[in-house]
Amino acid sequence: MELIDDAPSFPPYVFVAEIDGEKALTLRGFYPRIAKNLLFPDYFGNNLDALLDCLCSLEVIGQEEVVVIIRNAQLFLSKEKPEKRSATLQVFRDAEKPENRYDGIKFKVIGVRGKK
């Protein structure tokens, strides 16, 4: 996840989903937010394997490019064990790789630092 100070603006053809890291301190808090924002199917399994599968199959969005912005990124999954947070960030990196995508969509996750 790229970490920046302020989120850039995107052209209208880019689907932007925002997650507030302050409200996603745990995976339990993160999964329903990402599922709602990216229109995951009802059967989404709330685990990292299912997350990767869904992130790599975003054709339901109907856009060629999808960006997930995680605001207050320094707080994102801060109540999880470091290895869980690290594994989640690896899922993001894997989903960004074109060779892992089932849908041909350009996908990116950007972390935005919160106010200090």
N, C-alpha and C. Protein backbone atom coordinates (compact mmCIF):
# COMPACT_ATOMS: atom_id res chain seq x y z
N MET A 1 0.85 -1.17 0.00
CA MET A 1 0.00 0.00 0.00
C MET A 1 0.89 1.23 0.00
N GLU A 2 0.70 2.03 -1.01
CA GLU A 2 1.40 3.30 -1.08
C GLU A 2 0.87 4.21 0.02
N LEU A 3 1.75 4.94 0.70
CA LEU A 3 1.34 5.82 1.80
C LEU A 3 1.66 7.26 1.43
N ILE A 4 0.62 8.10 1.43
CA ILE A 4 0.79 9.51 1.04
C ILE A 4 0.12 10.41 2.07
N ASP A 5 0.36 11.72 1.96
CA ASP A 5 -0.21 12.67 2.92
C ASP A 5 -1.62 13.12 2.58
N ASP A 6 -1.97 13.13 1.29
CA ASP A 6 -3.30 13.57 0.89
C ASP A 6 -3.73 12.79 -0.35
N ALA A 7 -4.98 12.42 -0.41
CA ALA A 7 -5.49 11.64 -1.54
C ALA A 7 -5.60 12.52 -2.78
N PRO A 8 -5.11 12.03 -3.91
CA PRO A 8 -5.27 12.79 -5.14
C PRO A 8 -6.70 12.72 -5.65
N SER A 9 -7.03 13.57 -6.58
CA SER A 9 -8.35 13.44 -7.22
C SER A 9 -8.19 12.50 -8.41
N PHE A 10 -9.27 11.85 -8.77
CA PHE A 10 -9.24 10.87 -9.85
C PHE A 10 -10.27 11.24 -10.90
N PRO A 11 -10.01 10.87 -12.15
CA PRO A 11 -10.98 11.13 -13.20
C PRO A 11 -12.25 10.30 -12.97
N PRO A 12 -13.35 10.69 -13.61
CA PRO A 12 -14.64 10.02 -13.37
C PRO A 12 -14.67 8.54 -13.75
N TYR A 13 -13.77 8.10 -14.61
CA TYR A 13 -13.78 6.69 -15.01
C TYR A 13 -13.13 5.78 -13.97
N VAL A 14 -12.60 6.35 -12.89
CA VAL A 14 -11.98 5.56 -11.82
C VAL A 14 -12.98 5.41 -10.68
N PHE A 15 -13.25 4.19 -10.28
CA PHE A 15 -14.11 3.92 -9.13
C PHE A 15 -13.24 4.03 -7.88
N VAL A 16 -13.63 4.91 -6.98
CA VAL A 16 -12.86 5.13 -5.75
C VAL A 16 -13.69 4.67 -4.55
N ALA A 17 -13.12 3.78 -3.76
CA ALA A 17 -13.76 3.32 -2.52
C ALA A 17 -12.88 3.79 -1.37
N GLU A 18 -13.52 4.34 -0.34
CA GLU A 18 -12.76 4.83 0.81
C GLU A 18 -13.08 4.03 2.06
N ILE A 19 -12.03 3.73 2.80
CA ILE A 19 -12.15 3.04 4.09
C ILE A 19 -11.46 3.94 5.11
N ASP A 20 -12.09 4.16 6.24
CA ASP A 20 -11.48 4.93 7.31
C ASP A 20 -10.75 3.96 8.24
N GLY A 21 -9.43 4.07 8.30
CA GLY A 21 -8.64 3.19 9.15
C GLY A 21 -9.02 3.27 10.61
N GLU A 22 -9.57 4.40 11.02
CA GLU A 22 -10.02 4.58 12.40
C GLU A 22 -11.22 3.69 12.71
N LYS A 23 -11.96 3.29 11.67
CA LYS A 23 -13.12 2.42 11.85
C LYS A 23 -12.82 0.99 11.41
N ALA A 24 -11.58 0.75 11.04
CA ALA A 24 -11.15 -0.58 10.62
C ALA A 24 -9.89 -0.96 11.39
N LEU A 25 -10.01 -0.94 12.70
CA LEU A 25 -8.88 -1.24 13.58
C LEU A 25 -8.59 -2.73 13.63
N THR A 26 -9.60 -3.53 13.27
CA THR A 26 -9.47 -4.99 13.26
C THR A 26 -10.01 -5.51 11.93
N LEU A 27 -9.67 -6.74 11.62
CA LEU A 27 -10.23 -7.36 10.41
C LEU A 27 -11.74 -7.46 10.51
N ARG A 28 -12.22 -7.70 11.70
CA ARG A 28 -13.68 -7.79 11.91
C ARG A 28 -14.37 -6.47 11.54
N GLY A 29 -13.70 -5.35 11.78
CA GLY A 29 -14.25 -4.06 11.40
C GLY A 29 -13.99 -3.72 9.93
N PHE A 30 -12.92 -4.28 9.37
CA PHE A 30 -12.55 -4.00 7.99
C PHE A 30 -13.40 -4.75 6.97
N TYR A 31 -13.59 -6.05 7.19
CA TYR A 31 -14.27 -6.87 6.19
C TYR A 31 -15.64 -6.33 5.75
N PRO A 32 -16.54 -5.97 6.66
CA PRO A 32 -17.83 -5.48 6.18
C PRO A 32 -17.73 -4.16 5.41
N ARG A 33 -16.77 -3.34 5.76
CA ARG A 33 -16.59 -2.05 5.07
C ARG A 33 -16.09 -2.25 3.64
N ILE A 34 -15.09 -3.09 3.47
CA ILE A 34 -14.56 -3.33 2.13
C ILE A 34 -15.60 -4.07 1.28
N ALA A 35 -16.31 -5.00 1.91
CA ALA A 35 -17.33 -5.76 1.18
C ALA A 35 -18.44 -4.84 0.67
N LYS A 36 -18.87 -3.90 1.50
CA LYS A 36 -19.93 -2.98 1.10
C LYS A 36 -19.43 -2.02 0.02
N ASN A 37 -18.25 -1.44 0.23
CA ASN A 37 -17.72 -0.45 -0.71
C ASN A 37 -17.40 -1.02 -2.09
N LEU A 38 -16.98 -2.27 -2.15
CA LEU A 38 -16.60 -2.87 -3.42
C LEU A 38 -17.63 -3.88 -3.93
N LEU A 39 -18.80 -3.89 -3.34
CA LEU A 39 -19.91 -4.71 -3.81
C LEU A 39 -19.57 -6.19 -3.88
N PHE A 40 -18.91 -6.70 -2.82
CA PHE A 40 -18.58 -8.11 -2.77
C PHE A 40 -19.88 -8.92 -2.71
N PRO A 41 -19.86 -10.16 -3.19
CA PRO A 41 -21.06 -11.00 -3.11
C PRO A 41 -21.42 -11.33 -1.66
N ASP A 42 -22.67 -11.67 -1.44
CA ASP A 42 -23.16 -11.98 -0.09
C ASP A 42 -22.40 -13.13 0.55
N TYR A 43 -21.86 -14.01 -0.26
CA TYR A 43 -21.16 -15.18 0.27
C TYR A 43 -19.69 -14.90 0.59
N PHE A 44 -19.26 -13.64 0.54
CA PHE A 44 -17.87 -13.29 0.89
C PHE A 44 -17.52 -13.92 2.23
N GLY A 45 -16.38 -14.60 2.29
CA GLY A 45 -16.04 -15.43 3.43
C GLY A 45 -15.36 -14.77 4.61
N ASN A 46 -15.14 -13.45 4.60
CA ASN A 46 -14.50 -12.77 5.74
C ASN A 46 -13.19 -13.43 6.16
N ASN A 47 -12.34 -13.71 5.18
CA ASN A 47 -11.00 -14.20 5.45
C ASN A 47 -10.09 -13.70 4.33
N LEU A 48 -8.79 -13.82 4.51
CA LEU A 48 -7.85 -13.24 3.56
C LEU A 48 -7.89 -13.91 2.19
N ASP A 49 -8.14 -15.21 2.13
CA ASP A 49 -8.25 -15.88 0.83
C ASP A 49 -9.45 -15.34 0.05
N ALA A 50 -10.57 -15.21 0.74
CA ALA A 50 -11.78 -14.67 0.09
C ALA A 50 -11.57 -13.21 -0.30
N LEU A 51 -10.85 -12.45 0.53
CA LEU A 51 -10.56 -11.06 0.21
C LEU A 51 -9.78 -10.97 -1.09
N LEU A 52 -8.74 -11.77 -1.24
CA LEU A 52 -7.96 -11.74 -2.47
C LEU A 52 -8.82 -12.12 -3.67
N ASP A 53 -9.61 -13.17 -3.54
CA ASP A 53 -10.49 -13.58 -4.64
C ASP A 53 -11.42 -12.44 -5.06
N CYS A 54 -12.03 -11.79 -4.09
CA CYS A 54 -12.97 -10.72 -4.40
C CYS A 54 -12.27 -9.48 -4.95
N LEU A 55 -11.10 -9.15 -4.41
CA LEU A 55 -10.36 -7.99 -4.92
C LEU A 55 -9.90 -8.20 -6.35
N CYS A 56 -9.69 -9.45 -6.75
CA CYS A 56 -9.23 -9.75 -8.10
C CYS A 56 -10.37 -9.98 -9.08
N SER A 57 -11.60 -9.83 -8.61
CA SER A 57 -12.80 -10.04 -9.46
C SER A 57 -13.79 -8.92 -9.24
N LEU A 58 -13.44 -7.74 -9.69
CA LEU A 58 -14.27 -6.56 -9.43
C LEU A 58 -15.08 -6.12 -10.66
N GLU A 59 -15.38 -7.04 -11.56
CA GLU A 59 -16.11 -6.66 -12.76
C GLU A 59 -17.51 -6.10 -12.47
N VAL A 60 -18.07 -6.46 -11.31
CA VAL A 60 -19.39 -5.95 -10.92
C VAL A 60 -19.38 -4.42 -10.78
N ILE A 61 -18.23 -3.84 -10.51
CA ILE A 61 -18.09 -2.38 -10.36
C ILE A 61 -18.39 -1.68 -11.68
N GLY A 62 -18.04 -2.31 -12.79
CA GLY A 62 -18.32 -1.73 -14.10
C GLY A 62 -17.36 -0.63 -14.52
N GLN A 63 -16.19 -0.55 -13.92
CA GLN A 63 -15.17 0.43 -14.27
C GLN A 63 -13.88 -0.30 -14.63
N GLU A 64 -13.02 0.36 -15.40
CA GLU A 64 -11.75 -0.25 -15.79
C GLU A 64 -10.66 -0.06 -14.75
N GLU A 65 -10.90 0.85 -13.82
CA GLU A 65 -9.90 1.15 -12.80
C GLU A 65 -10.59 1.31 -11.45
N VAL A 66 -10.01 0.70 -10.42
CA VAL A 66 -10.56 0.77 -9.06
C VAL A 66 -9.42 1.16 -8.11
N VAL A 67 -9.69 2.16 -7.27
CA VAL A 67 -8.72 2.59 -6.27
C VAL A 67 -9.39 2.50 -4.90
N VAL A 68 -8.72 1.89 -3.96
CA VAL A 68 -9.16 1.88 -2.57
C VAL A 68 -8.27 2.85 -1.82
N ILE A 69 -8.90 3.82 -1.17
CA ILE A 69 -8.17 4.78 -0.35
C ILE A 69 -8.44 4.44 1.11
N ILE A 70 -7.38 4.21 1.85
CA ILE A 70 -7.51 3.96 3.28
C ILE A 70 -7.04 5.22 4.00
N ARG A 71 -8.01 5.96 4.51
CA ARG A 71 -7.70 7.18 5.26
C ARG A 71 -7.29 6.78 6.68
N ASN A 72 -6.51 7.64 7.34
CA ASN A 72 -5.98 7.31 8.67
C ASN A 72 -5.27 5.95 8.62
N ALA A 73 -4.44 5.81 7.59
CA ALA A 73 -3.80 4.52 7.32
C ALA A 73 -2.93 4.03 8.48
N GLN A 74 -2.42 4.94 9.27
CA GLN A 74 -1.58 4.54 10.40
C GLN A 74 -2.40 3.78 11.45
N LEU A 75 -3.72 3.94 11.44
CA LEU A 75 -4.59 3.24 12.39
C LEU A 75 -5.17 1.94 11.82
N PHE A 76 -5.09 1.77 10.52
CA PHE A 76 -5.67 0.61 9.85
C PHE A 76 -5.12 -0.69 10.44
N LEU A 77 -6.03 -1.51 10.96
CA LEU A 77 -5.71 -2.80 11.58
C LEU A 77 -4.72 -2.70 12.74
N SER A 78 -4.68 -1.55 13.40
CA SER A 78 -3.72 -1.34 14.48
C SER A 78 -3.99 -2.19 15.71
N LYS A 79 -5.19 -2.76 15.83
CA LYS A 79 -5.49 -3.64 16.97
C LYS A 79 -5.32 -5.12 16.62
N GLU A 80 -4.85 -5.38 15.41
CA GLU A 80 -4.55 -6.76 15.00
C GLU A 80 -3.09 -7.06 15.31
N LYS A 81 -2.76 -8.33 15.36
CA LYS A 81 -1.37 -8.73 15.50
C LYS A 81 -0.63 -8.26 14.26
N PRO A 82 0.63 -7.86 14.41
CA PRO A 82 1.40 -7.36 13.26
C PRO A 82 1.40 -8.31 12.06
N GLU A 83 1.44 -9.60 12.32
CA GLU A 83 1.46 -10.55 11.20
C GLU A 83 0.14 -10.57 10.42
N LYS A 84 -0.98 -10.31 11.10
CA LYS A 84 -2.28 -10.22 10.41
C LYS A 84 -2.34 -8.98 9.54
N ARG A 85 -1.86 -7.86 10.08
CA ARG A 85 -1.83 -6.62 9.30
C ARG A 85 -0.91 -6.79 8.09
N SER A 86 0.23 -7.38 8.31
CA SER A 86 1.19 -7.62 7.24
C SER A 86 0.59 -8.52 6.16
N ALA A 87 -0.10 -9.56 6.57
CA ALA A 87 -0.73 -10.48 5.61
C ALA A 87 -1.80 -9.77 4.79
N THR A 88 -2.55 -8.87 5.43
CA THR A 88 -3.58 -8.12 4.72
C THR A 88 -2.95 -7.18 3.70
N LEU A 89 -1.89 -6.51 4.09
CA LEU A 89 -1.18 -5.63 3.15
C LEU A 89 -0.60 -6.43 1.99
N GLN A 90 -0.17 -7.66 2.25
CA GLN A 90 0.32 -8.52 1.17
C GLN A 90 -0.81 -8.88 0.20
N VAL A 91 -2.00 -9.11 0.73
CA VAL A 91 -3.17 -9.36 -0.14
C VAL A 91 -3.39 -8.18 -1.07
N PHE A 92 -3.30 -6.96 -0.53
CA PHE A 92 -3.45 -5.77 -1.38
C PHE A 92 -2.40 -5.77 -2.49
N ARG A 93 -1.15 -6.03 -2.12
CA ARG A 93 -0.07 -6.04 -3.12
C ARG A 93 -0.32 -7.11 -4.19
N ASP A 94 -0.77 -8.27 -3.74
CA ASP A 94 -1.05 -9.35 -4.70
C ASP A 94 -2.21 -8.98 -5.63
N ALA A 95 -3.22 -8.32 -5.10
CA ALA A 95 -4.38 -7.93 -5.92
C ALA A 95 -4.03 -6.84 -6.92
N GLU A 96 -2.99 -6.07 -6.63
CA GLU A 96 -2.57 -5.01 -7.54
C GLU A 96 -1.81 -5.56 -8.76
N LYS A 97 -1.29 -6.76 -8.66
CA LYS A 97 -0.50 -7.34 -9.76
C LYS A 97 -1.41 -7.77 -10.91
N PRO A 98 -1.15 -7.26 -12.10
CA PRO A 98 -2.00 -7.62 -13.25
C PRO A 98 -2.11 -9.12 -13.49
N GLU A 99 -1.04 -9.86 -13.22
CA GLU A 99 -1.07 -11.30 -13.47
C GLU A 99 -1.99 -12.06 -12.51
N ASN A 100 -2.40 -11.43 -11.41
CA ASN A 100 -3.31 -12.07 -10.45
C ASN A 100 -4.77 -11.70 -10.69
N ARG A 101 -5.04 -10.80 -11.59
CA ARG A 101 -6.39 -10.28 -11.79
C ARG A 101 -7.19 -11.19 -12.72
N TYR A 102 -8.42 -11.47 -12.34
CA TYR A 102 -9.32 -12.26 -13.17
C TYR A 102 -10.14 -11.36 -14.09
N ASP A 103 -10.15 -10.05 -13.81
CA ASP A 103 -11.10 -9.14 -14.44
C ASP A 103 -10.48 -8.12 -15.38
N GLY A 104 -9.15 -8.04 -15.44
CA GLY A 104 -8.50 -7.06 -16.29
C GLY A 104 -8.56 -5.63 -15.79
N ILE A 105 -9.06 -5.44 -14.58
CA ILE A 105 -9.18 -4.10 -14.00
C ILE A 105 -7.85 -3.67 -13.41
N LYS A 106 -7.53 -2.41 -13.57
CA LYS A 106 -6.35 -1.84 -12.91
C LYS A 106 -6.77 -1.51 -11.47
N PHE A 107 -6.06 -2.08 -10.50
CA PHE A 107 -6.44 -1.96 -9.09
C PHE A 107 -5.27 -1.42 -8.29
N LYS A 108 -5.57 -0.53 -7.35
CA LYS A 108 -4.53 0.07 -6.51
C LYS A 108 -5.11 0.39 -5.14
N VAL A 109 -4.28 0.26 -4.11
CA VAL A 109 -4.64 0.66 -2.75
C VAL A 109 -3.69 1.76 -2.33
N ILE A 110 -4.25 2.85 -1.81
CA ILE A 110 -3.46 3.99 -1.36
C ILE A 110 -3.81 4.27 0.10
N GLY A 111 -2.80 4.38 0.91
CA GLY A 111 -2.99 4.76 2.31
C GLY A 111 -2.74 6.25 2.47
N VAL A 112 -3.64 6.92 3.16
CA VAL A 112 -3.51 8.35 3.41
C VAL A 112 -3.30 8.54 4.91
N ARG A 113 -2.21 9.19 5.25
CA ARG A 113 -1.94 9.45 6.65
C ARG A 113 -3.01 10.37 7.24
N GLY A 114 -3.35 10.15 8.48
CA GLY A 114 -4.31 11.01 9.16
C GLY A 114 -3.63 12.23 9.75
N LYS A 115 -4.42 13.06 10.35
CA LYS A 115 -3.89 14.25 11.00
C LYS A 115 -3.05 13.84 12.20
N LYS A 116 -1.99 14.56 12.41
CA LYS A 116 -1.08 14.23 13.51
C LYS A 116 -1.44 14.95 14.76
